């Protein structure tokens, strides 16, 4: 009788433990498993520049045709925020300012545009006629922007800093600069070269200028496009043509590779409730894809923090 009671108790314990594990699993979807999120149309060759605001709205460029900006709200509804950017401008990378405006790299008219997502108003934040074609953006430090600037005709590129409405050239005669991002401690800037397949790191000085250029990681095949970083300093680098995103440690070592359904993976953004959902644009199918990570995105948490500070200042009448 004692033995029978013992095994009954053990059985009940195992059942309850299994239910507990199942509960955990249901609350934590499998990490790094890509799936389709939202279909945004048949035109996809320019799909790029995803960015998520503090409310969880996802923005991206060229969902319908070049020159448009799309939006997916927190309920999963897709709409066109901007039907046509002025002066035939075409957007690429998007970053979000402390007050919720969208900074958009305009690669046809040498601008960084500012878009008010509430009113749809578009203005020129900064203009530089000597820029090749502002491509992707990174933001930090009170609104300071960094812009990659490739010249695809001769496989070269530059890096610009955009501050107080002015372009300042920081690096020139690099390879085809494309994806660009900043470390969580704001001490390091990363930029990749699409054709040369290299990712470079620079130290960021207090005035925003760059020193100590060094190779972070180099690849042997396919292309490189947009990249973002999580709060632990891991880079997520798109492998254009391969259909994957590579997660690279702060030491420059590959941690894992996440495969998407689309092959022409162009860019990504962290979002969701906790910043651990990654949204991916691909340029060979009309879907935004998504997967989960264990760490939040650096820029997403900064966006939320800035929004909270702005809200507090407004509440105080400042």
C-alpha atoms as a PDB file:
ATOM      1  CA  UNK A   1       0.000   0.000   0.000  1.00  0.00           C
ATOM      2  CA  UNK A   2       2.840   2.372   0.870  1.00  0.00           C
ATOM      3  CA  UNK A   3       4.618   1.551  -2.428  1.00  0.00           C
ATOM      4  CA  UNK A   4       1.397   2.044  -4.427  1.00  0.00           C
ATOM      5  CA  UNK A   5       0.754   5.430  -2.779  1.00  0.00           C
ATOM      6  CA  UNK A   6       4.357   6.464  -3.477  1.00  0.00           C
ATOM      7  CA  UNK A   7       4.052   5.726  -7.209  1.00  0.00           C
ATOM      8  CA  UNK A   8       0.681   7.485  -7.379  1.00  0.00           C
ATOM      9  CA  UNK A   9       2.246  10.593  -5.882  1.00  0.00           C
ATOM     10  CA  UNK A  10       5.163  10.341  -8.315  1.00  0.00           C
ATOM     11  CA  UNK A  11       2.730  10.043 -11.214  1.00  0.00           C
ATOM     12  CA  UNK A  12       0.778  13.084 -10.116  1.00  0.00           C
ATOM     13  CA  UNK A  13       4.031  15.019  -9.731  1.00  0.00           C
ATOM     14  CA  UNK A  14       5.156  14.079 -13.257  1.00  0.00           C
ATOM     15  CA  UNK A  15       1.796  15.113 -14.727  1.00  0.00           C
ATOM     16  CA  UNK A  16       1.880  18.475 -12.971  1.00  0.00           C
ATOM     17  CA  UNK A  17       5.514  19.020 -13.998  1.00  0.00           C
ATOM     18  CA  UNK A  18       4.646  18.227 -17.625  1.00  0.00           C
ATOM     19  CA  UNK A  19       1.770  20.689 -17.519  1.00  0.00           C
ATOM     20  CA  UNK A  20       4.133  23.322 -16.071  1.00  0.00           C
ATOM     21  CA  UNK A  21       6.652  22.772 -18.861  1.00  0.00           C
ATOM     22  CA  UNK A  22       3.874  22.934 -21.434  1.00  0.00           C
ATOM     23  CA  UNK A  23       2.709  26.220 -19.954  1.00  0.00           C
ATOM     24  CA  UNK A  24       6.223  27.641 -20.217  1.00  0.00           C
ATOM     25  CA  UNK A  25       6.505  26.475 -23.814  1.00  0.00           C
ATOM     26  CA  UNK A  26       3.172  28.038 -24.775  1.00  0.00           C
ATOM     27  CA  UNK A  27       4.255  31.356 -23.268  1.00  0.00           C
ATOM     28  CA  UNK A  28       7.679  31.279 -24.950  1.00  0.00           C
ATOM     29  CA  UNK A  29       7.454  30.485 -28.660  1.00  0.00           C
ATOM     30  CA  UNK A  30      10.423  28.747 -30.194  1.00  0.00           C
ATOM     31  CA  UNK A  31      13.286  31.158 -30.743  1.00  0.00           C
ATOM     32  CA  UNK A  32      14.836  31.949 -34.115  1.00  0.00           C
ATOM     33  CA  UNK A  33      12.152  30.163 -36.137  1.00  0.00           C
ATOM     34  CA  UNK A  34      11.069  32.445 -38.986  1.00  0.00           C
ATOM     35  CA  UNK A  35       7.451  32.679 -40.091  1.00  0.00           C
ATOM     36  CA  UNK A  36       5.297  34.948 -42.238  1.00  0.00           C
ATOM     37  CA  UNK A  37       3.865  37.978 -40.439  1.00  0.00           C
ATOM     38  CA  UNK A  38       1.899  40.214 -42.845  1.00  0.00           C
ATOM     39  CA  UNK A  39       1.477  40.246 -46.630  1.00  0.00           C
ATOM     40  CA  UNK A  40       2.137  43.784 -47.923  1.00  0.00           C
ATOM     41  CA  UNK A  41       1.743  43.405 -51.689  1.00  0.00           C
ATOM     42  CA  UNK A  42       3.265  41.981 -54.848  1.00  0.00           C
ATOM     43  CA  UNK A  43       5.728  44.853 -55.324  1.00  0.00           C
ATOM     44  CA  UNK A  44       8.653  43.996 -53.120  1.00  0.00           C
ATOM     45  CA  UNK A  45      11.939  44.799 -54.885  1.00  0.00           C
ATOM     46  CA  UNK A  46      12.309  47.994 -52.828  1.00  0.00           C
ATOM     47  CA  UNK A  47      10.997  46.655 -49.508  1.00  0.00           C
ATOM     48  CA  UNK A  48      13.372  48.007 -46.874  1.00  0.00           C
ATOM     49  CA  UNK A  49      13.999  50.066 -43.770  1.00  0.00           C
ATOM     50  CA  UNK A  50      11.808  48.504 -41.037  1.00  0.00           C
ATOM     51  CA  UNK A  51      11.581  50.465 -37.779  1.00  0.00           C
ATOM     52  CA  UNK A  52       9.261  50.125 -34.776  1.00  0.00           C
ATOM     53  CA  UNK A  53       8.049  53.051 -32.672  1.00  0.00           C
ATOM     54  CA  UNK A  54       7.463  53.055 -28.915  1.00  0.00           C
ATOM     55  CA  UNK A  55       3.829  51.992 -29.362  1.00  0.00           C
ATOM     56  CA  UNK A  56       4.767  48.965 -31.452  1.00  0.00           C
ATOM     57  CA  UNK A  57       3.817  50.288 -34.895  1.00  0.00           C
ATOM     58  CA  UNK A  58       6.062  48.962 -37.668  1.00  0.00           C
ATOM     59  CA  UNK A  59       7.127  51.264 -40.543  1.00  0.00           C
ATOM     60  CA  UNK A  60       8.951  50.337 -43.753  1.00  0.00           C
ATOM     61  CA  UNK A  61       9.525  51.738 -47.238  1.00  0.00           C
ATOM     62  CA  UNK A  62       8.319  50.882 -50.751  1.00  0.00           C
ATOM     63  CA  UNK A  63       5.574  48.306 -50.071  1.00  0.00           C
ATOM     64  CA  UNK A  64       3.362  49.322 -53.004  1.00  0.00           C
ATOM     65  CA  UNK A  65       5.878  51.036 -55.266  1.00  0.00           C
ATOM     66  CA  UNK A  66       9.008  53.113 -54.822  1.00  0.00           C
ATOM     67  CA  UNK A  67       8.381  56.285 -52.839  1.00  0.00           C
ATOM     68  CA  UNK A  68       5.771  54.867 -50.489  1.00  0.00           C
ATOM     69  CA  UNK A  69       5.955  54.226 -46.743  1.00  0.00           C
ATOM     70  CA  UNK A  70       3.934  51.437 -45.166  1.00  0.00           C
ATOM     71  CA  UNK A  71       2.692  50.907 -41.643  1.00  0.00           C
ATOM     72  CA  UNK A  72       1.526  47.875 -39.688  1.00  0.00           C
ATOM     73  CA  UNK A  73      -0.214  48.810 -36.443  1.00  0.00           C
ATOM     74  CA  UNK A  74      -0.249  46.864 -33.196  1.00  0.00           C
ATOM     75  CA  UNK A  75      -3.399  45.006 -34.310  1.00  0.00           C
ATOM     76  CA  UNK A  76      -1.672  43.729 -37.432  1.00  0.00           C
ATOM     77  CA  UNK A  77      -3.432  46.068 -39.865  1.00  0.00           C
ATOM     78  CA  UNK A  78      -1.398  47.096 -42.912  1.00  0.00           C
ATOM     79  CA  UNK A  79      -1.879  50.568 -44.429  1.00  0.00           C
ATOM     80  CA  UNK A  80       0.021  53.026 -46.609  1.00  0.00           C
ATOM     81  CA  UNK A  81       1.207  55.950 -44.486  1.00  0.00           C
ATOM     82  CA  UNK A  82       2.793  57.903 -47.354  1.00  0.00           C
ATOM     83  CA  UNK A  83       1.451  57.280 -50.846  1.00  0.00           C
ATOM     84  CA  UNK A  84       4.190  59.264 -52.557  1.00  0.00           C
ATOM     85  CA  UNK A  85       7.208  61.056 -51.095  1.00  0.00           C
ATOM     86  CA  UNK A  86       7.679  64.580 -52.542  1.00  0.00           C
ATOM     87  CA  UNK A  87       9.994  65.317 -55.491  1.00  0.00           C
ATOM     88  CA  UNK A  88      10.174  61.651 -56.498  1.00  0.00           C
ATOM     89  CA  UNK A  89      12.138  60.793 -53.382  1.00  0.00           C
ATOM     90  CA  UNK A  90      12.621  57.109 -52.569  1.00  0.00           C
ATOM     91  CA  UNK A  91      13.223  56.004 -48.997  1.00  0.00           C
ATOM     92  CA  UNK A  92      15.562  53.343 -47.693  1.00  0.00           C
ATOM     93  CA  UNK A  93      16.567  53.156 -44.016  1.00  0.00           C
ATOM     94  CA  UNK A  94      14.244  54.496 -41.279  1.00  0.00           C
ATOM     95  CA  UNK A  95      15.067  55.478 -37.705  1.00  0.00           C
ATOM     96  CA  UNK A  96      12.754  57.064 -35.139  1.00  0.00           C
ATOM     97  CA  UNK A  97      13.455  60.286 -33.251  1.00  0.00           C
ATOM     98  CA  UNK A  98      12.825  60.924 -29.566  1.00  0.00           C
ATOM     99  CA  UNK A  99       9.560  62.699 -30.401  1.00  0.00           C
ATOM    100  CA  UNK A 100       8.306  59.879 -32.617  1.00  0.00           C
ATOM    101  CA  UNK A 101       9.157  61.336 -36.037  1.00  0.00           C
ATOM    102  CA  UNK A 102      10.582  59.108 -38.762  1.00  0.00           C
ATOM    103  CA  UNK A 103      14.001  59.878 -40.186  1.00  0.00           C
ATOM    104  CA  UNK A 104      14.116  58.419 -43.700  1.00  0.00           C
ATOM    105  CA  UNK A 105      17.233  58.049 -45.856  1.00  0.00           C
ATOM    106  CA  UNK A 106      16.286  59.410 -49.298  1.00  0.00           C
ATOM    107  CA  UNK A 107      18.733  57.860 -51.737  1.00  0.00           C
ATOM    108  CA  UNK A 108      17.489  59.604 -54.891  1.00  0.00           C
ATOM    109  CA  UNK A 109      17.637  63.217 -53.676  1.00  0.00           C
ATOM    110  CA  UNK A 110      20.583  63.085 -51.244  1.00  0.00           C
ATOM    111  CA  UNK A 111      18.403  63.828 -48.204  1.00  0.00           C
ATOM    112  CA  UNK A 112      17.494  62.611 -44.806  1.00  0.00           C
ATOM    113  CA  UNK A 113      13.773  63.285 -44.626  1.00  0.00           C
ATOM    114  CA  UNK A 114      11.634  63.772 -41.519  1.00  0.00           C
ATOM    115  CA  UNK A 115       8.126  62.314 -41.562  1.00  0.00           C
ATOM    116  CA  UNK A 116       5.397  62.999 -39.015  1.00  0.00           C
ATOM    117  CA  UNK A 117       3.514  59.673 -38.769  1.00  0.00           C
ATOM    118  CA  UNK A 118       0.481  61.404 -37.246  1.00  0.00           C
ATOM    119  CA  UNK A 119      -0.068  64.041 -39.938  1.00  0.00           C
ATOM    120  CA  UNK A 120       1.862  62.546 -42.843  1.00  0.00           C
ATOM    121  CA  UNK A 121       3.873  65.764 -43.210  1.00  0.00           C
ATOM    122  CA  UNK A 122       7.246  65.292 -44.933  1.00  0.00           C
ATOM    123  CA  UNK A 123      10.138  67.753 -44.631  1.00  0.00           C
ATOM    124  CA  UNK A 124      13.872  67.761 -45.399  1.00  0.00           C
ATOM    125  CA  UNK A 125      15.874  67.234 -42.222  1.00  0.00           C
ATOM    126  CA  UNK A 126      19.278  67.438 -43.941  1.00  0.00           C
ATOM    127  CA  UNK A 127      20.530  67.714 -47.537  1.00  0.00           C
ATOM    128  CA  UNK A 128      23.953  66.943 -48.964  1.00  0.00           C
ATOM    129  CA  UNK A 129      24.389  67.122 -52.765  1.00  0.00           C
ATOM    130  CA  UNK A 130      27.827  65.469 -52.523  1.00  0.00           C
ATOM    131  CA  UNK A 131      26.380  62.325 -50.957  1.00  0.00           C
ATOM    132  CA  UNK A 132      26.101  59.343 -53.304  1.00  0.00           C
ATOM    133  CA  UNK A 133      22.785  57.989 -52.022  1.00  0.00           C
ATOM    134  CA  UNK A 134      22.067  57.899 -48.269  1.00  0.00           C
ATOM    135  CA  UNK A 135      21.201  54.268 -47.677  1.00  0.00           C
ATOM    136  CA  UNK A 136      20.803  53.107 -44.109  1.00  0.00           C
ATOM    137  CA  UNK A 137      20.705  54.981 -40.794  1.00  0.00           C
ATOM    138  CA  UNK A 138      21.661  54.484 -37.159  1.00  0.00           C
ATOM    139  CA  UNK A 139      20.601  56.810 -34.341  1.00  0.00           C
ATOM    140  CA  UNK A 140      21.842  57.545 -30.828  1.00  0.00           C
ATOM    141  CA  UNK A 141      22.911  60.233 -28.417  1.00  0.00           C
ATOM    142  CA  UNK A 142      20.108  62.762 -28.513  1.00  0.00           C
ATOM    143  CA  UNK A 143      19.189  62.357 -32.164  1.00  0.00           C
ATOM    144  CA  UNK A 144      22.592  62.087 -33.814  1.00  0.00           C
ATOM    145  CA  UNK A 145      22.333  60.078 -37.021  1.00  0.00           C
ATOM    146  CA  UNK A 146      24.917  58.058 -38.906  1.00  0.00           C
ATOM    147  CA  UNK A 147      24.290  57.339 -42.585  1.00  0.00           C
ATOM    148  CA  UNK A 148      25.909  54.822 -44.890  1.00  0.00           C
ATOM    149  CA  UNK A 149      26.455  56.159 -48.403  1.00  0.00           C
ATOM    150  CA  UNK A 150      27.374  53.606 -51.093  1.00  0.00           C
ATOM    151  CA  UNK A 151      28.397  54.321 -54.681  1.00  0.00           C
ATOM    152  CA  UNK A 152      27.321  51.169 -56.474  1.00  0.00           C
ATOM    153  CA  UNK A 153      28.881  52.197 -59.798  1.00  0.00           C
ATOM    154  CA  UNK A 154      32.448  51.954 -58.497  1.00  0.00           C
ATOM    155  CA  UNK A 155      31.899  49.811 -55.362  1.00  0.00           C
ATOM    156  CA  UNK A 156      32.953  52.531 -52.919  1.00  0.00           C
ATOM    157  CA  UNK A 157      31.211  54.295 -50.075  1.00  0.00           C
ATOM    158  CA  UNK A 158      31.277  56.827 -47.258  1.00  0.00           C
ATOM    159  CA  UNK A 159      29.959  57.299 -43.741  1.00  0.00           C
ATOM    160  CA  UNK A 160      28.273  60.579 -42.782  1.00  0.00           C
ATOM    161  CA  UNK A 161      27.178  61.957 -39.443  1.00  0.00           C
ATOM    162  CA  UNK A 162      23.964  63.974 -39.562  1.00  0.00           C
ATOM    163  CA  UNK A 163      23.583  66.351 -36.644  1.00  0.00           C
ATOM    164  CA  UNK A 164      21.604  69.580 -36.270  1.00  0.00           C
ATOM    165  CA  UNK A 165      20.438  69.273 -39.846  1.00  0.00           C
ATOM    166  CA  UNK A 166      23.948  69.065 -41.300  1.00  0.00           C
ATOM    167  CA  UNK A 167      25.870  66.267 -43.046  1.00  0.00           C
ATOM    168  CA  UNK A 168      29.456  65.770 -41.815  1.00  0.00           C
ATOM    169  CA  UNK A 169      31.646  63.282 -43.692  1.00  0.00           C
ATOM    170  CA  UNK A 170      33.446  60.932 -41.311  1.00  0.00           C
ATOM    171  CA  UNK A 171      34.859  58.238 -43.595  1.00  0.00           C
ATOM    172  CA  UNK A 172      35.384  58.103 -47.367  1.00  0.00           C
ATOM    173  CA  UNK A 173      36.692  55.708 -50.000  1.00  0.00           C
ATOM    174  CA  UNK A 174      35.473  52.652 -48.144  1.00  0.00           C
ATOM    175  CA  UNK A 175      33.745  49.745 -49.862  1.00  0.00           C
ATOM    176  CA  UNK A 176      30.006  49.781 -50.589  1.00  0.00           C
ATOM    177  CA  UNK A 177      28.850  50.913 -47.138  1.00  0.00           C
ATOM    178  CA  UNK A 178      25.373  49.680 -46.312  1.00  0.00           C
ATOM    179  CA  UNK A 179      24.112  48.316 -42.981  1.00  0.00           C
ATOM    180  CA  UNK A 180      25.076  50.540 -40.052  1.00  0.00           C
ATOM    181  CA  UNK A 181      24.504  50.255 -36.305  1.00  0.00           C
ATOM    182  CA  UNK A 182      25.707  51.399 -32.870  1.00  0.00           C
ATOM    183  CA  UNK A 183      26.642  49.313 -29.827  1.00  0.00           C
ATOM    184  CA  UNK A 184      24.475  49.390 -26.669  1.00  0.00           C
ATOM    185  CA  UNK A 185      27.069  51.473 -24.801  1.00  0.00           C
ATOM    186  CA  UNK A 186      27.262  53.986 -27.707  1.00  0.00           C
ATOM    187  CA  UNK A 187      31.026  53.479 -27.903  1.00  0.00           C
ATOM    188  CA  UNK A 188      31.254  51.537 -31.172  1.00  0.00           C
ATOM    189  CA  UNK A 189      29.855  52.035 -34.659  1.00  0.00           C
ATOM    190  CA  UNK A 190      29.560  49.097 -37.042  1.00  0.00           C
ATOM    191  CA  UNK A 191      29.162  49.350 -40.819  1.00  0.00           C
ATOM    192  CA  UNK A 192      29.174  46.644 -43.452  1.00  0.00           C
ATOM    193  CA  UNK A 193      30.297  46.668 -47.080  1.00  0.00           C
ATOM    194  CA  UNK A 194      27.842  44.820 -49.320  1.00  0.00           C
ATOM    195  CA  UNK A 195      30.216  43.889 -52.128  1.00  0.00           C
ATOM    196  CA  UNK A 196      33.431  43.458 -50.137  1.00  0.00           C
ATOM    197  CA  UNK A 197      31.557  41.350 -47.538  1.00  0.00           C
ATOM    198  CA  UNK A 198      33.281  42.978 -44.579  1.00  0.00           C
ATOM    199  CA  UNK A 199      31.907  44.429 -41.339  1.00  0.00           C
ATOM    200  CA  UNK A 200      34.027  47.195 -39.805  1.00  0.00           C
ATOM    201  CA  UNK A 201      34.030  48.587 -36.271  1.00  0.00           C
ATOM    202  CA  UNK A 202      35.011  52.118 -35.174  1.00  0.00           C
ATOM    203  CA  UNK A 203      35.364  53.760 -31.801  1.00  0.00           C
ATOM    204  CA  UNK A 204      33.001  56.731 -31.384  1.00  0.00           C
ATOM    205  CA  UNK A 205      34.539  59.866 -29.890  1.00  0.00           C
ATOM    206  CA  UNK A 206      32.467  62.184 -27.647  1.00  0.00           C
ATOM    207  CA  UNK A 207      31.954  64.568 -30.608  1.00  0.00           C
ATOM    208  CA  UNK A 208      30.610  61.707 -32.729  1.00  0.00           C
ATOM    209  CA  UNK A 209      33.657  61.278 -34.956  1.00  0.00           C
ATOM    210  CA  UNK A 210      35.140  57.860 -35.669  1.00  0.00           C
ATOM    211  CA  UNK A 211      38.606  56.437 -34.935  1.00  0.00           C
ATOM    212  CA  UNK A 212      40.345  53.076 -34.683  1.00  0.00           C
ATOM    213  CA  UNK A 213      38.888  51.339 -37.736  1.00  0.00           C
ATOM    214  CA  UNK A 214      39.176  47.551 -37.441  1.00  0.00           C
ATOM    215  CA  UNK A 215      37.723  44.475 -39.110  1.00  0.00           C
ATOM    216  CA  UNK A 216      34.929  42.885 -37.073  1.00  0.00           C
ATOM    217  CA  UNK A 217      34.034  39.955 -39.346  1.00  0.00           C
ATOM    218  CA  UNK A 218      34.383  38.999 -43.014  1.00  0.00           C
ATOM    219  CA  UNK A 219      32.251  36.677 -45.157  1.00  0.00           C
ATOM    220  CA  UNK A 220      33.101  34.642 -48.238  1.00  0.00           C
ATOM    221  CA  UNK A 221      29.924  34.754 -50.308  1.00  0.00           C
ATOM    222  CA  UNK A 222      26.499  36.355 -50.912  1.00  0.00           C
ATOM    223  CA  UNK A 223      25.800  39.985 -50.019  1.00  0.00           C
ATOM    224  CA  UNK A 224      25.373  42.062 -46.874  1.00  0.00           C
ATOM    225  CA  UNK A 225      22.544  44.534 -46.303  1.00  0.00           C
ATOM    226  CA  UNK A 226      20.877  45.988 -43.197  1.00  0.00           C
ATOM    227  CA  UNK A 227      21.859  45.043 -39.658  1.00  0.00           C
ATOM    228  CA  UNK A 228      20.721  45.713 -36.099  1.00  0.00           C
ATOM    229  CA  UNK A 229      22.051  44.977 -32.617  1.00  0.00           C
ATOM    230  CA  UNK A 230      20.549  43.607 -29.407  1.00  0.00           C
ATOM    231  CA  UNK A 231      21.120  44.770 -25.843  1.00  0.00           C
ATOM    232  CA  UNK A 232      23.946  42.255 -25.389  1.00  0.00           C
ATOM    233  CA  UNK A 233      25.883  43.681 -28.317  1.00  0.00           C
ATOM    234  CA  UNK A 234      25.134  40.879 -30.782  1.00  0.00           C
ATOM    235  CA  UNK A 235      24.835  42.024 -34.395  1.00  0.00           C
ATOM    236  CA  UNK A 236      22.123  40.598 -36.658  1.00  0.00           C
ATOM    237  CA  UNK A 237      23.420  40.873 -40.226  1.00  0.00           C
ATOM    238  CA  UNK A 238      21.269  40.219 -43.300  1.00  0.00           C
ATOM    239  CA  UNK A 239      22.760  37.888 -45.930  1.00  0.00           C
ATOM    240  CA  UNK A 240      21.266  39.187 -49.169  1.00  0.00           C
ATOM    241  CA  UNK A 241      20.795  36.376 -51.704  1.00  0.00           C
ATOM    242  CA  UNK A 242      21.323  33.635 -49.129  1.00  0.00           C
ATOM    243  CA  UNK A 243      18.025  34.150 -47.338  1.00  0.00           C
ATOM    244  CA  UNK A 244      19.405  34.344 -43.830  1.00  0.00           C
ATOM    245  CA  UNK A 245      20.370  36.575 -40.926  1.00  0.00           C
ATOM    246  CA  UNK A 246      23.611  35.853 -39.081  1.00  0.00           C
ATOM    247  CA  UNK A 247      23.897  36.600 -35.373  1.00  0.00           C
ATOM    248  CA  UNK A 248      27.442  37.724 -34.554  1.00  0.00           C
ATOM    249  CA  UNK A 249      28.876  38.207 -31.058  1.00  0.00           C
ATOM    250  CA  UNK A 250      30.645  41.395 -29.865  1.00  0.00           C
ATOM    251  CA  UNK A 251      33.890  39.449 -30.417  1.00  0.00           C
ATOM    252  CA  UNK A 252      33.065  38.909 -34.090  1.00  0.00           C
ATOM    253  CA  UNK A 253      32.154  35.223 -33.828  1.00  0.00           C
ATOM    254  CA  UNK A 254      29.103  33.718 -35.548  1.00  0.00           C
ATOM    255  CA  UNK A 255      26.625  32.495 -32.929  1.00  0.00           C
ATOM    256  CA  UNK A 256      23.864  31.226 -35.209  1.00  0.00           C
ATOM    257  CA  UNK A 257      22.232  31.657 -38.607  1.00  0.00           C
ATOM    258  CA  UNK A 258      18.475  32.201 -38.998  1.00  0.00           C
ATOM    259  CA  UNK A 259      16.984  31.211 -42.367  1.00  0.00           C
ATOM    260  CA  UNK A 260      14.052  33.079 -43.898  1.00  0.00           C
ATOM    261  CA  UNK A 261      11.616  32.090 -46.645  1.00  0.00           C
ATOM    262  CA  UNK A 262      12.763  34.985 -48.840  1.00  0.00           C
ATOM    263  CA  UNK A 263      16.271  34.988 -50.300  1.00  0.00           C
ATOM    264  CA  UNK A 264      16.806  38.721 -50.816  1.00  0.00           C
ATOM    265  CA  UNK A 265      16.837  39.687 -47.149  1.00  0.00           C
ATOM    266  CA  UNK A 266      17.213  43.474 -46.997  1.00  0.00           C
ATOM    267  CA  UNK A 267      16.791  44.654 -43.398  1.00  0.00           C
ATOM    268  CA  UNK A 268      15.348  43.998 -39.951  1.00  0.00           C
ATOM    269  CA  UNK A 269      13.975  45.721 -36.856  1.00  0.00           C
ATOM    270  CA  UNK A 270      13.299  44.709 -33.262  1.00  0.00           C
ATOM    271  CA  UNK A 271       9.844  45.329 -31.836  1.00  0.00           C
ATOM    272  CA  UNK A 272       6.893  43.644 -30.169  1.00  0.00           C
ATOM    273  CA  UNK A 273       5.886  44.163 -26.553  1.00  0.00           C
ATOM    274  CA  UNK A 274       9.352  43.532 -25.136  1.00  0.00           C
ATOM    275  CA  UNK A 275      11.573  44.288 -28.135  1.00  0.00           C
ATOM    276  CA  UNK A 276      12.340  40.603 -28.706  1.00  0.00           C
ATOM    277  CA  UNK A 277      10.328  40.208 -31.913  1.00  0.00           C
ATOM    278  CA  UNK A 278      12.343  40.710 -35.098  1.00  0.00           C
ATOM    279  CA  UNK A 279      10.613  41.923 -38.269  1.00  0.00           C
ATOM    280  CA  UNK A 280      12.384  41.240 -41.563  1.00  0.00           C
ATOM    281  CA  UNK A 281      11.937  42.731 -45.043  1.00  0.00           C
ATOM    282  CA  UNK A 282      12.765  40.595 -48.076  1.00  0.00           C
ATOM    283  CA  UNK A 283      12.808  41.838 -51.669  1.00  0.00           C
ATOM    284  CA  UNK A 284      11.636  38.734 -53.496  1.00  0.00           C
ATOM    285  CA  UNK A 285       8.257  38.100 -51.873  1.00  0.00           C
ATOM    286  CA  UNK A 286       5.490  40.298 -50.498  1.00  0.00           C
ATOM    287  CA  UNK A 287       5.658  39.240 -46.868  1.00  0.00           C
ATOM    288  CA  UNK A 288       7.166  40.752 -43.758  1.00  0.00           C
ATOM    289  CA  UNK A 289       8.719  37.807 -41.924  1.00  0.00           C
ATOM    290  CA  UNK A 290       9.316  37.523 -38.197  1.00  0.00           C
ATOM    291  CA  UNK A 291      11.096  35.523 -35.509  1.00  0.00           C
ATOM    292  CA  UNK A 292      11.704  35.714 -31.747  1.00  0.00           C
ATOM    293  CA  UNK A 293      14.972  36.291 -29.886  1.00  0.00           C
ATOM    294  CA  UNK A 294      15.924  36.079 -26.213  1.00  0.00           C
ATOM    295  CA  UNK A 295      17.274  39.650 -26.077  1.00  0.00           C
ATOM    296  CA  UNK A 296      15.651  42.978 -26.918  1.00  0.00           C
ATOM    297  CA  UNK A 297      16.881  45.292 -29.632  1.00  0.00           C
ATOM    298  CA  UNK A 298      19.081  48.200 -28.557  1.00  0.00           C
ATOM    299  CA  UNK A 299      17.418  50.915 -30.615  1.00  0.00           C
ATOM    300  CA  UNK A 300      13.880  49.756 -29.780  1.00  0.00           C
ATOM    301  CA  UNK A 301      14.472  50.078 -26.028  1.00  0.00           C
ATOM    302  CA  UNK A 302      16.092  53.473 -26.587  1.00  0.00           C
ATOM    303  CA  UNK A 303      13.026  54.574 -28.575  1.00  0.00           C
ATOM    304  CA  UNK A 304      10.724  53.523 -25.730  1.00  0.00           C
ATOM    305  CA  UNK A 305      12.918  55.220 -23.139  1.00  0.00           C
ATOM    306  CA  UNK A 306      12.976  58.476 -25.116  1.00  0.00           C
ATOM    307  CA  UNK A 307       9.201  58.404 -25.520  1.00  0.00           C
ATOM    308  CA  UNK A 308       8.739  57.978 -21.766  1.00  0.00           C
ATOM    309  CA  UNK A 309      11.069  60.900 -21.041  1.00  0.00           C
ATOM    310  CA  UNK A 310       9.217  63.111 -23.537  1.00  0.00           C
ATOM    311  CA  UNK A 311       5.890  62.148 -21.995  1.00  0.00           C
ATOM    312  CA  UNK A 312       7.128  63.070 -18.520  1.00  0.00           C
ATOM    313  CA  UNK A 313       8.455  66.422 -19.754  1.00  0.00           C
ATOM    314  CA  UNK A 314       5.150  67.262 -21.419  1.00  0.00           C
ATOM    315  CA  UNK A 315       3.277  66.288 -18.251  1.00  0.00           C
ATOM    316  CA  UNK A 316       5.515  68.673 -16.305  1.00  0.00           C
ATOM    317  CA  UNK A 317       4.906  71.425 -18.865  1.00  0.00           C
ATOM    318  CA  UNK A 318       8.548  71.534 -19.960  1.00  0.00           C
END
